[in-house]
């Protein structure tokens, strides 16, 4: 009787080992596939956002707000990097703008919006010598900021350079409020 059951017990034990191994293999395979999928998705996200900088509002700078003007030292723009700022209007609307030293050596300013894409509220980021619309992806050479207006070009913001400072009139900043009144989206 023992001899007859012995092969069956061996067979059952072998079957149990094989079945457990298959379950472990399936779990391991599923884990590897999930990890690869996450890795690939992360890589695609990284590549698709390559060159796109996040919006950097220069909060660490303390502009001089007087009753009628906002001023910034010229030196902070020497590196050619666009600096994003915002002015909060009396009704709480944040009017966003950027200032940069363009490739032709001039300091330029524009609202962080345009006539076409302002409703999206996305603004621009800098990619090398270009400002790029975050909504439609159009690229604008830095030396054309303040020169070309309309369409998807960054909406110009008047500025002057006086005694080593970029001077922007608060009145000019407030004129850009129309680009940031998102209740008008329709």
C-alpha atoms as a PDB file:
ATOM      1  CA  UNK A   1       0.000   0.000   0.000  1.00  0.00           C
ATOM      2  CA  UNK A   2       2.842   2.390   0.769  1.00  0.00           C
ATOM      3  CA  UNK A   3       4.504   1.654  -2.528  1.00  0.00           C
ATOM      4  CA  UNK A   4       1.381   2.437  -4.491  1.00  0.00           C
ATOM      5  CA  UNK A   5       0.853   5.842  -2.800  1.00  0.00           C
ATOM      6  CA  UNK A   6       4.497   6.851  -2.968  1.00  0.00           C
ATOM      7  CA  UNK A   7       4.517   7.737  -6.685  1.00  0.00           C
ATOM      8  CA  UNK A   8       1.255   9.645  -6.272  1.00  0.00           C
ATOM      9  CA  UNK A   9       2.683  11.634  -3.362  1.00  0.00           C
ATOM     10  CA  UNK A  10       5.788  12.422  -5.388  1.00  0.00           C
ATOM     11  CA  UNK A  11       3.644  13.418  -8.310  1.00  0.00           C
ATOM     12  CA  UNK A  12       1.462  15.674  -6.122  1.00  0.00           C
ATOM     13  CA  UNK A  13       4.520  17.244  -4.496  1.00  0.00           C
ATOM     14  CA  UNK A  14       6.106  17.860  -7.871  1.00  0.00           C
ATOM     15  CA  UNK A  15       2.873  19.359  -9.177  1.00  0.00           C
ATOM     16  CA  UNK A  16       2.614  21.664  -6.150  1.00  0.00           C
ATOM     17  CA  UNK A  17       6.192  22.845  -6.631  1.00  0.00           C
ATOM     18  CA  UNK A  18       5.592  23.534 -10.314  1.00  0.00           C
ATOM     19  CA  UNK A  19       2.342  25.381  -9.712  1.00  0.00           C
ATOM     20  CA  UNK A  20       3.853  27.590  -7.006  1.00  0.00           C
ATOM     21  CA  UNK A  21       6.795  28.376  -9.265  1.00  0.00           C
ATOM     22  CA  UNK A  22       4.438  29.373 -12.063  1.00  0.00           C
ATOM     23  CA  UNK A  23       2.604  31.735  -9.718  1.00  0.00           C
ATOM     24  CA  UNK A  24       5.886  33.239  -8.576  1.00  0.00           C
ATOM     25  CA  UNK A  25       7.070  33.523 -12.176  1.00  0.00           C
ATOM     26  CA  UNK A  26       3.861  35.267 -13.218  1.00  0.00           C
ATOM     27  CA  UNK A  27       4.116  37.673 -10.303  1.00  0.00           C
ATOM     28  CA  UNK A  28       7.770  38.365 -11.076  1.00  0.00           C
ATOM     29  CA  UNK A  29       7.010  38.850 -14.769  1.00  0.00           C
ATOM     30  CA  UNK A  30       4.118  41.213 -13.994  1.00  0.00           C
ATOM     31  CA  UNK A  31       6.360  43.214 -11.646  1.00  0.00           C
ATOM     32  CA  UNK A  32       9.095  43.513 -14.262  1.00  0.00           C
ATOM     33  CA  UNK A  33       6.594  44.601 -16.932  1.00  0.00           C
ATOM     34  CA  UNK A  34       5.072  47.206 -14.595  1.00  0.00           C
ATOM     35  CA  UNK A  35       8.519  48.571 -13.691  1.00  0.00           C
ATOM     36  CA  UNK A  36       9.506  48.784 -17.364  1.00  0.00           C
ATOM     37  CA  UNK A  37       6.232  50.535 -18.217  1.00  0.00           C
ATOM     38  CA  UNK A  38       6.853  53.127 -15.490  1.00  0.00           C
ATOM     39  CA  UNK A  39      10.432  53.607 -16.640  1.00  0.00           C
ATOM     40  CA  UNK A  40       9.363  54.085 -20.264  1.00  0.00           C
ATOM     41  CA  UNK A  41       6.559  56.489 -19.299  1.00  0.00           C
ATOM     42  CA  UNK A  42       8.990  58.507 -17.177  1.00  0.00           C
ATOM     43  CA  UNK A  43      11.483  58.625 -20.034  1.00  0.00           C
ATOM     44  CA  UNK A  44       8.847  59.804 -22.479  1.00  0.00           C
ATOM     45  CA  UNK A  45       7.713  62.515 -20.060  1.00  0.00           C
ATOM     46  CA  UNK A  46      11.311  63.635 -19.511  1.00  0.00           C
ATOM     47  CA  UNK A  47      12.067  63.778 -23.233  1.00  0.00           C
ATOM     48  CA  UNK A  48       8.822  65.578 -24.072  1.00  0.00           C
ATOM     49  CA  UNK A  49       9.570  68.308 -21.523  1.00  0.00           C
ATOM     50  CA  UNK A  50      13.271  68.596 -22.382  1.00  0.00           C
ATOM     51  CA  UNK A  51      14.237  72.217 -22.859  1.00  0.00           C
ATOM     52  CA  UNK A  52      11.058  73.475 -21.264  1.00  0.00           C
ATOM     53  CA  UNK A  53      11.825  75.302 -18.102  1.00  0.00           C
ATOM     54  CA  UNK A  54       9.296  75.658 -15.390  1.00  0.00           C
ATOM     55  CA  UNK A  55       7.875  79.067 -14.791  1.00  0.00           C
ATOM     56  CA  UNK A  56      10.231  80.889 -12.501  1.00  0.00           C
ATOM     57  CA  UNK A  57       8.788  83.929 -10.841  1.00  0.00           C
ATOM     58  CA  UNK A  58      11.618  85.978  -9.440  1.00  0.00           C
ATOM     59  CA  UNK A  59      10.223  86.267  -5.924  1.00  0.00           C
ATOM     60  CA  UNK A  60      13.683  86.542  -4.415  1.00  0.00           C
ATOM     61  CA  UNK A  61      14.149  89.914  -6.095  1.00  0.00           C
ATOM     62  CA  UNK A  62      12.732  92.889  -4.310  1.00  0.00           C
ATOM     63  CA  UNK A  63      11.756  95.406  -6.943  1.00  0.00           C
ATOM     64  CA  UNK A  64      11.416  98.984  -5.884  1.00  0.00           C
ATOM     65  CA  UNK A  65       7.685  99.752  -6.093  1.00  0.00           C
ATOM     66  CA  UNK A  66       7.059 103.456  -5.908  1.00  0.00           C
ATOM     67  CA  UNK A  67       3.697 105.089  -6.466  1.00  0.00           C
ATOM     68  CA  UNK A  68       4.155 105.190 -10.227  1.00  0.00           C
ATOM     69  CA  UNK A  69       7.037 102.889 -11.259  1.00  0.00           C
ATOM     70  CA  UNK A  70       8.638  99.502 -10.688  1.00  0.00           C
ATOM     71  CA  UNK A  71      12.426  99.317 -11.010  1.00  0.00           C
ATOM     72  CA  UNK A  72      14.932  96.475 -11.252  1.00  0.00           C
ATOM     73  CA  UNK A  73      18.735  96.680 -11.337  1.00  0.00           C
ATOM     74  CA  UNK A  74      20.050  96.071 -14.869  1.00  0.00           C
ATOM     75  CA  UNK A  75      22.698  93.643 -13.559  1.00  0.00           C
ATOM     76  CA  UNK A  76      20.174  90.897 -12.829  1.00  0.00           C
ATOM     77  CA  UNK A  77      19.467  90.534 -16.560  1.00  0.00           C
ATOM     78  CA  UNK A  78      23.099  90.349 -17.732  1.00  0.00           C
ATOM     79  CA  UNK A  79      22.998  86.545 -18.068  1.00  0.00           C
ATOM     80  CA  UNK A  80      20.328  86.723 -20.786  1.00  0.00           C
ATOM     81  CA  UNK A  81      17.863  84.636 -18.776  1.00  0.00           C
ATOM     82  CA  UNK A  82      14.251  85.754 -18.754  1.00  0.00           C
ATOM     83  CA  UNK A  83      12.976  86.684 -15.312  1.00  0.00           C
ATOM     84  CA  UNK A  84       9.245  86.403 -14.639  1.00  0.00           C
ATOM     85  CA  UNK A  85       7.478  88.856 -12.350  1.00  0.00           C
ATOM     86  CA  UNK A  86       3.958  89.694 -11.350  1.00  0.00           C
ATOM     87  CA  UNK A  87       2.163  92.796 -10.219  1.00  0.00           C
ATOM     88  CA  UNK A  88      -1.002  92.327  -8.207  1.00  0.00           C
ATOM     89  CA  UNK A  89      -3.655  94.818  -9.255  1.00  0.00           C
ATOM     90  CA  UNK A  90      -5.943  96.357  -6.649  1.00  0.00           C
ATOM     91  CA  UNK A  91      -8.682  93.839  -7.460  1.00  0.00           C
ATOM     92  CA  UNK A  92      -6.330  90.906  -6.827  1.00  0.00           C
ATOM     93  CA  UNK A  93      -5.602  90.040 -10.462  1.00  0.00           C
ATOM     94  CA  UNK A  94      -1.955  89.038 -10.927  1.00  0.00           C
ATOM     95  CA  UNK A  95      -0.510  90.702 -14.023  1.00  0.00           C
ATOM     96  CA  UNK A  96       2.478  88.633 -15.155  1.00  0.00           C
ATOM     97  CA  UNK A  97       5.396  89.855 -17.225  1.00  0.00           C
ATOM     98  CA  UNK A  98       8.972  88.970 -18.014  1.00  0.00           C
ATOM     99  CA  UNK A  99      12.168  90.914 -18.598  1.00  0.00           C
ATOM    100  CA  UNK A 100      15.260  89.647 -20.400  1.00  0.00           C
ATOM    101  CA  UNK A 101      18.408  90.865 -22.062  1.00  0.00           C
ATOM    102  CA  UNK A 102      18.078  89.782 -25.686  1.00  0.00           C
ATOM    103  CA  UNK A 103      20.833  88.466 -27.927  1.00  0.00           C
ATOM    104  CA  UNK A 104      21.307  91.947 -29.420  1.00  0.00           C
ATOM    105  CA  UNK A 105      22.161  93.314 -25.962  1.00  0.00           C
ATOM    106  CA  UNK A 106      18.927  95.214 -25.262  1.00  0.00           C
ATOM    107  CA  UNK A 107      16.798  94.702 -22.184  1.00  0.00           C
ATOM    108  CA  UNK A 108      13.251  93.904 -23.215  1.00  0.00           C
ATOM    109  CA  UNK A 109       9.973  93.404 -21.373  1.00  0.00           C
ATOM    110  CA  UNK A 110       6.668  91.813 -22.301  1.00  0.00           C
ATOM    111  CA  UNK A 111       3.533  90.523 -20.686  1.00  0.00           C
ATOM    112  CA  UNK A 112       3.557  86.784 -20.087  1.00  0.00           C
ATOM    113  CA  UNK A 113       0.637  86.496 -22.515  1.00  0.00           C
ATOM    114  CA  UNK A 114      -0.355  87.241 -26.101  1.00  0.00           C
ATOM    115  CA  UNK A 115      -3.400  88.300 -28.109  1.00  0.00           C
ATOM    116  CA  UNK A 116      -4.155  84.730 -29.212  1.00  0.00           C
ATOM    117  CA  UNK A 117      -3.343  82.333 -26.362  1.00  0.00           C
ATOM    118  CA  UNK A 118      -3.953  84.527 -23.292  1.00  0.00           C
ATOM    119  CA  UNK A 119      -7.129  82.611 -22.375  1.00  0.00           C
ATOM    120  CA  UNK A 120      -5.031  79.505 -21.666  1.00  0.00           C
ATOM    121  CA  UNK A 121      -3.107  81.449 -19.001  1.00  0.00           C
ATOM    122  CA  UNK A 122       0.129  79.570 -19.725  1.00  0.00           C
ATOM    123  CA  UNK A 123       2.579  82.282 -20.781  1.00  0.00           C
ATOM    124  CA  UNK A 124       6.087  81.694 -22.115  1.00  0.00           C
ATOM    125  CA  UNK A 125       9.269  79.887 -21.171  1.00  0.00           C
ATOM    126  CA  UNK A 126      12.769  80.513 -22.459  1.00  0.00           C
ATOM    127  CA  UNK A 127      14.605  78.021 -24.660  1.00  0.00           C
ATOM    128  CA  UNK A 128      18.003  79.424 -25.569  1.00  0.00           C
ATOM    129  CA  UNK A 129      17.499  82.669 -27.476  1.00  0.00           C
ATOM    130  CA  UNK A 130      13.756  82.094 -27.879  1.00  0.00           C
ATOM    131  CA  UNK A 131      10.657  82.675 -25.810  1.00  0.00           C
ATOM    132  CA  UNK A 132       8.267  79.772 -26.411  1.00  0.00           C
ATOM    133  CA  UNK A 133       4.494  79.893 -25.963  1.00  0.00           C
ATOM    134  CA  UNK A 134       3.435  77.211 -23.484  1.00  0.00           C
ATOM    135  CA  UNK A 135       0.065  76.907 -25.210  1.00  0.00           C
ATOM    136  CA  UNK A 136       0.780  76.672 -28.950  1.00  0.00           C
ATOM    137  CA  UNK A 137       4.548  76.070 -28.937  1.00  0.00           C
ATOM    138  CA  UNK A 138       5.463  78.973 -31.221  1.00  0.00           C
ATOM    139  CA  UNK A 139       8.972  80.337 -30.736  1.00  0.00           C
ATOM    140  CA  UNK A 140       9.922  84.010 -30.737  1.00  0.00           C
ATOM    141  CA  UNK A 141      13.490  85.275 -30.999  1.00  0.00           C
ATOM    142  CA  UNK A 142      14.464  87.335 -27.963  1.00  0.00           C
ATOM    143  CA  UNK A 143      15.499  90.305 -30.100  1.00  0.00           C
ATOM    144  CA  UNK A 144      11.920  90.572 -31.435  1.00  0.00           C
ATOM    145  CA  UNK A 145      10.328  90.947 -27.980  1.00  0.00           C
ATOM    146  CA  UNK A 146       8.922  94.522 -27.845  1.00  0.00           C
ATOM    147  CA  UNK A 147       9.489  94.849 -31.607  1.00  0.00           C
ATOM    148  CA  UNK A 148       6.747  92.639 -33.053  1.00  0.00           C
ATOM    149  CA  UNK A 149       3.284  92.599 -31.566  1.00  0.00           C
ATOM    150  CA  UNK A 150      -0.039  90.934 -32.224  1.00  0.00           C
ATOM    151  CA  UNK A 151      -0.836  87.308 -32.887  1.00  0.00           C
ATOM    152  CA  UNK A 152       1.020  84.985 -30.560  1.00  0.00           C
ATOM    153  CA  UNK A 153       3.969  87.347 -30.023  1.00  0.00           C
ATOM    154  CA  UNK A 154       4.542  88.260 -26.376  1.00  0.00           C
ATOM    155  CA  UNK A 155       2.495  91.416 -25.766  1.00  0.00           C
ATOM    156  CA  UNK A 156       4.988  94.308 -25.425  1.00  0.00           C
ATOM    157  CA  UNK A 157       5.481  96.100 -22.122  1.00  0.00           C
ATOM    158  CA  UNK A 158       7.065  99.565 -22.197  1.00  0.00           C
ATOM    159  CA  UNK A 159      10.277  99.949 -20.230  1.00  0.00           C
ATOM    160  CA  UNK A 160      13.153 102.398 -19.948  1.00  0.00           C
ATOM    161  CA  UNK A 161      16.707 102.077 -18.721  1.00  0.00           C
ATOM    162  CA  UNK A 162      17.547 104.934 -16.360  1.00  0.00           C
ATOM    163  CA  UNK A 163      20.705 105.132 -14.227  1.00  0.00           C
ATOM    164  CA  UNK A 164      21.388 101.391 -14.386  1.00  0.00           C
ATOM    165  CA  UNK A 165      17.795 100.407 -13.635  1.00  0.00           C
ATOM    166  CA  UNK A 166      14.972  98.954 -15.689  1.00  0.00           C
ATOM    167  CA  UNK A 167      12.029 101.269 -15.070  1.00  0.00           C
ATOM    168  CA  UNK A 168       8.456 100.225 -15.842  1.00  0.00           C
ATOM    169  CA  UNK A 169       5.508 102.480 -15.175  1.00  0.00           C
ATOM    170  CA  UNK A 170       2.797 100.870 -13.034  1.00  0.00           C
ATOM    171  CA  UNK A 171       0.257 102.378 -15.423  1.00  0.00           C
ATOM    172  CA  UNK A 172       1.845 100.392 -18.287  1.00  0.00           C
ATOM    173  CA  UNK A 173       1.732  97.186 -16.242  1.00  0.00           C
ATOM    174  CA  UNK A 174      -1.945  97.754 -15.448  1.00  0.00           C
ATOM    175  CA  UNK A 175      -2.690  98.061 -19.167  1.00  0.00           C
ATOM    176  CA  UNK A 176      -1.850  94.356 -19.434  1.00  0.00           C
ATOM    177  CA  UNK A 177      -4.622  93.394 -17.025  1.00  0.00           C
ATOM    178  CA  UNK A 178      -6.812  92.378 -19.974  1.00  0.00           C
ATOM    179  CA  UNK A 179      -4.546  89.367 -20.561  1.00  0.00           C
ATOM    180  CA  UNK A 180      -5.063  88.057 -17.033  1.00  0.00           C
ATOM    181  CA  UNK A 181      -8.786  88.599 -16.451  1.00  0.00           C
ATOM    182  CA  UNK A 182      -9.677  84.971 -16.907  1.00  0.00           C
ATOM    183  CA  UNK A 183     -13.324  85.600 -16.103  1.00  0.00           C
ATOM    184  CA  UNK A 184     -13.455  86.998 -19.678  1.00  0.00           C
ATOM    185  CA  UNK A 185     -12.559  83.577 -21.153  1.00  0.00           C
ATOM    186  CA  UNK A 186     -15.178  82.632 -23.681  1.00  0.00           C
END
